[in-house]
Structure formats: structure tokens, C-alpha cells
Amino acid sequence: MKRNMYSAAIYLGGIVRWVLKGFKTKLKDELEANLEPTWGATYDTENYIIGVVTVVVILGLIIWLII
């Protein structure tokens, strides 16, 4: 997979999902999308959405703390 912002969001989403699942799955499976999708078209799409939401929340918190 080519390294870009899209893949960074997918990796971040995979890590967040792995943490939210309580470390019950393998991190490699989360990052490589080896698991079945639950609510999206693909596992990569789900990880991408989770990653983007995580970035928005983090940026929102940083801006809130600065202002």
C-alpha cells in the first residue's frame, strides 16, 4: 500500500479499533484488514472512517485547549 494520508488514516483507525476491542484481536489483522467488516463496505473503509473521526476529535481537543 502506498504511504499517504489515506493509508495513515487507515492505520490510525486500525490501532484505535484494536484498543477499543480491548486488545482481543491481533494488531496485524486490524492493520491489514484481515477481519470481516461489520458496518461498512470493507474493513479498510471502516478503519479509514474511524481514523478520520479520531483525527477530528484530537484536533478539536487541541484547538479547544489552545483557545
N, C-alpha and C. Protein backbone atom coordinates (compact mmCIF):
# COMPACT_ATOMS: atom_id res chain seq x y z
N MET A 1 0.86 -1.18 0.00
CA MET A 1 0.00 0.00 0.00
C MET A 1 0.90 1.24 0.00
N LYS A 2 0.58 2.17 -0.85
CA LYS A 2 1.33 3.41 -0.95
C LYS A 2 1.12 4.25 0.32
N ARG A 3 2.22 4.82 0.81
CA ARG A 3 2.14 5.65 2.01
C ARG A 3 1.59 7.03 1.65
N ASN A 4 0.45 7.36 2.18
CA ASN A 4 -0.14 8.68 2.02
C ASN A 4 -1.08 8.94 3.19
N MET A 5 -1.77 10.05 3.13
CA MET A 5 -2.67 10.39 4.24
C MET A 5 -3.82 9.38 4.37
N TYR A 6 -4.25 8.83 3.25
CA TYR A 6 -5.32 7.84 3.28
C TYR A 6 -4.88 6.61 4.07
N SER A 7 -3.67 6.11 3.78
CA SER A 7 -3.19 4.92 4.49
C SER A 7 -2.88 5.24 5.94
N ALA A 8 -2.45 6.47 6.23
CA ALA A 8 -2.19 6.85 7.62
C ALA A 8 -3.49 6.83 8.42
N ALA A 9 -4.58 7.29 7.82
CA ALA A 9 -5.88 7.26 8.50
C ALA A 9 -6.35 5.82 8.71
N ILE A 10 -6.07 4.95 7.76
CA ILE A 10 -6.44 3.54 7.90
C ILE A 10 -5.66 2.90 9.05
N TYR A 11 -4.35 3.17 9.13
CA TYR A 11 -3.54 2.62 10.21
C TYR A 11 -3.99 3.16 11.56
N LEU A 12 -4.25 4.46 11.64
CA LEU A 12 -4.72 5.05 12.89
C LEU A 12 -6.05 4.44 13.30
N GLY A 13 -6.96 4.27 12.34
CA GLY A 13 -8.25 3.65 12.64
C GLY A 13 -8.10 2.22 13.10
N GLY A 14 -7.16 1.49 12.51
CA GLY A 14 -6.91 0.11 12.94
C GLY A 14 -6.39 0.04 14.36
N ILE A 15 -5.50 0.96 14.71
CA ILE A 15 -4.96 0.98 16.07
C ILE A 15 -6.04 1.36 17.08
N VAL A 16 -6.85 2.37 16.73
CA VAL A 16 -7.94 2.78 17.64
C VAL A 16 -8.94 1.65 17.82
N ARG A 17 -9.29 0.98 16.74
CA ARG A 17 -10.24 -0.14 16.82
C ARG A 17 -9.67 -1.27 17.66
N TRP A 18 -8.38 -1.55 17.51
CA TRP A 18 -7.71 -2.60 18.28
C TRP A 18 -7.77 -2.26 19.77
N VAL A 19 -7.53 -1.00 20.12
CA VAL A 19 -7.59 -0.57 21.52
C VAL A 19 -9.02 -0.67 22.04
N LEU A 20 -10.00 -0.22 21.24
CA LEU A 20 -11.39 -0.26 21.68
C LEU A 20 -11.91 -1.69 21.85
N LYS A 21 -11.35 -2.63 21.09
CA LYS A 21 -11.73 -4.03 21.25
C LYS A 21 -11.06 -4.67 22.45
N GLY A 22 -10.22 -3.92 23.14
CA GLY A 22 -9.57 -4.44 24.33
C GLY A 22 -8.40 -5.37 24.02
N PHE A 23 -7.72 -5.15 22.90
CA PHE A 23 -6.54 -5.92 22.51
C PHE A 23 -6.87 -7.40 22.30
N LYS A 24 -8.11 -7.73 21.97
CA LYS A 24 -8.53 -9.13 21.83
C LYS A 24 -8.16 -9.71 20.48
N THR A 25 -7.95 -8.87 19.48
CA THR A 25 -7.53 -9.34 18.17
C THR A 25 -6.05 -9.04 17.99
N LYS A 26 -5.47 -9.55 16.93
CA LYS A 26 -4.08 -9.25 16.63
C LYS A 26 -4.01 -7.91 15.93
N LEU A 27 -3.04 -7.09 16.33
CA LEU A 27 -2.89 -5.77 15.71
C LEU A 27 -2.62 -5.91 14.22
N LYS A 28 -1.87 -6.92 13.83
CA LYS A 28 -1.57 -7.15 12.41
C LYS A 28 -2.85 -7.36 11.61
N ASP A 29 -3.79 -8.14 12.17
CA ASP A 29 -5.06 -8.38 11.48
C ASP A 29 -5.87 -7.10 11.35
N GLU A 30 -5.83 -6.25 12.36
CA GLU A 30 -6.55 -4.98 12.30
C GLU A 30 -5.96 -4.07 11.23
N LEU A 31 -4.63 -3.99 11.18
CA LEU A 31 -3.98 -3.09 10.24
C LEU A 31 -4.05 -3.58 8.80
N GLU A 32 -4.01 -4.89 8.61
CA GLU A 32 -4.05 -5.45 7.25
C GLU A 32 -5.47 -5.77 6.80
N ALA A 33 -6.45 -5.47 7.62
CA ALA A 33 -7.87 -5.68 7.30
C ALA A 33 -8.16 -7.14 6.98
N ASN A 34 -7.65 -8.05 7.80
CA ASN A 34 -7.88 -9.48 7.60
C ASN A 34 -9.16 -9.96 8.27
N LEU A 35 -9.93 -9.06 8.83
CA LEU A 35 -11.16 -9.43 9.52
C LEU A 35 -12.37 -9.02 8.69
N GLU A 36 -13.50 -9.57 9.04
CA GLU A 36 -14.75 -9.27 8.31
C GLU A 36 -15.28 -7.89 8.69
N PRO A 37 -15.75 -7.12 7.72
CA PRO A 37 -16.35 -5.81 8.05
C PRO A 37 -17.66 -6.00 8.80
N THR A 38 -17.97 -5.06 9.69
CA THR A 38 -19.19 -5.17 10.47
C THR A 38 -20.26 -4.18 10.03
N TRP A 39 -19.89 -2.95 9.68
CA TRP A 39 -20.90 -1.96 9.32
C TRP A 39 -20.55 -1.19 8.05
N GLY A 40 -19.39 -1.42 7.48
CA GLY A 40 -19.01 -0.72 6.26
C GLY A 40 -18.85 -1.69 5.11
N ALA A 41 -18.53 -1.14 3.95
CA ALA A 41 -18.36 -1.98 2.77
C ALA A 41 -17.12 -2.88 2.91
N THR A 42 -16.02 -2.30 3.39
CA THR A 42 -14.80 -3.07 3.61
C THR A 42 -14.22 -2.70 4.97
N TYR A 43 -13.31 -3.52 5.43
CA TYR A 43 -12.66 -3.26 6.72
C TYR A 43 -11.77 -2.02 6.62
N ASP A 44 -11.13 -1.83 5.45
CA ASP A 44 -10.32 -0.63 5.24
C ASP A 44 -11.17 0.63 5.33
N THR A 45 -12.36 0.59 4.77
CA THR A 45 -13.26 1.75 4.84
C THR A 45 -13.64 2.06 6.28
N GLU A 46 -13.93 1.03 7.04
CA GLU A 46 -14.27 1.23 8.45
C GLU A 46 -13.08 1.83 9.21
N ASN A 47 -11.89 1.30 8.98
CA ASN A 47 -10.70 1.84 9.65
C ASN A 47 -10.43 3.27 9.22
N TYR A 48 -10.67 3.58 7.95
CA TYR A 48 -10.47 4.95 7.45
C TYR A 48 -11.42 5.92 8.16
N ILE A 49 -12.68 5.55 8.27
CA ILE A 49 -13.67 6.42 8.93
C ILE A 49 -13.31 6.61 10.40
N ILE A 50 -12.93 5.54 11.08
CA ILE A 50 -12.52 5.64 12.48
C ILE A 50 -11.29 6.54 12.61
N GLY A 51 -10.34 6.40 11.69
CA GLY A 51 -9.14 7.22 11.72
C GLY A 51 -9.43 8.69 11.52
N VAL A 52 -10.31 9.02 10.57
CA VAL A 52 -10.66 10.41 10.30
C VAL A 52 -11.39 11.01 11.50
N VAL A 53 -12.32 10.27 12.09
CA VAL A 53 -13.04 10.76 13.27
C VAL A 53 -12.06 10.98 14.42
N THR A 54 -11.09 10.10 14.59
CA THR A 54 -10.09 10.25 15.64
C THR A 54 -9.27 11.52 15.44
N VAL A 55 -8.86 11.78 14.21
CA VAL A 55 -8.08 12.99 13.92
C VAL A 55 -8.91 14.23 14.20
N VAL A 56 -10.17 14.23 13.82
CA VAL A 56 -11.04 15.38 14.06
C VAL A 56 -11.19 15.62 15.57
N VAL A 57 -11.38 14.56 16.34
CA VAL A 57 -11.52 14.70 17.79
C VAL A 57 -10.23 15.24 18.40
N ILE A 58 -9.09 14.70 17.98
CA ILE A 58 -7.80 15.17 18.52
C ILE A 58 -7.58 16.63 18.17
N LEU A 59 -7.81 17.00 16.92
CA LEU A 59 -7.65 18.41 16.53
C LEU A 59 -8.61 19.32 17.28
N GLY A 60 -9.84 18.86 17.47
CA GLY A 60 -10.82 19.63 18.23
C GLY A 60 -10.37 19.86 19.66
N LEU A 61 -9.82 18.83 20.28
CA LEU A 61 -9.33 18.96 21.65
C LEU A 61 -8.14 19.92 21.73
N ILE A 62 -7.25 19.83 20.77
CA ILE A 62 -6.09 20.71 20.76
C ILE A 62 -6.53 22.16 20.58
N ILE A 63 -7.43 22.40 19.64
CA ILE A 63 -7.92 23.77 19.41
C ILE A 63 -8.66 24.28 20.64
N TRP A 64 -9.46 23.44 21.26
CA TRP A 64 -10.21 23.82 22.47
C TRP A 64 -9.26 24.18 23.61
N LEU A 65 -8.16 23.41 23.74
CA LEU A 65 -7.20 23.69 24.81
C LEU A 65 -6.40 24.97 24.54
N ILE A 66 -6.16 25.29 23.30
CA ILE A 66 -5.40 26.49 22.96
C ILE A 66 -6.24 27.75 23.15
N ILE A 67 -7.49 27.67 22.76
CA ILE A 67 -8.37 28.87 22.84
C ILE A 67 -8.90 29.01 24.19
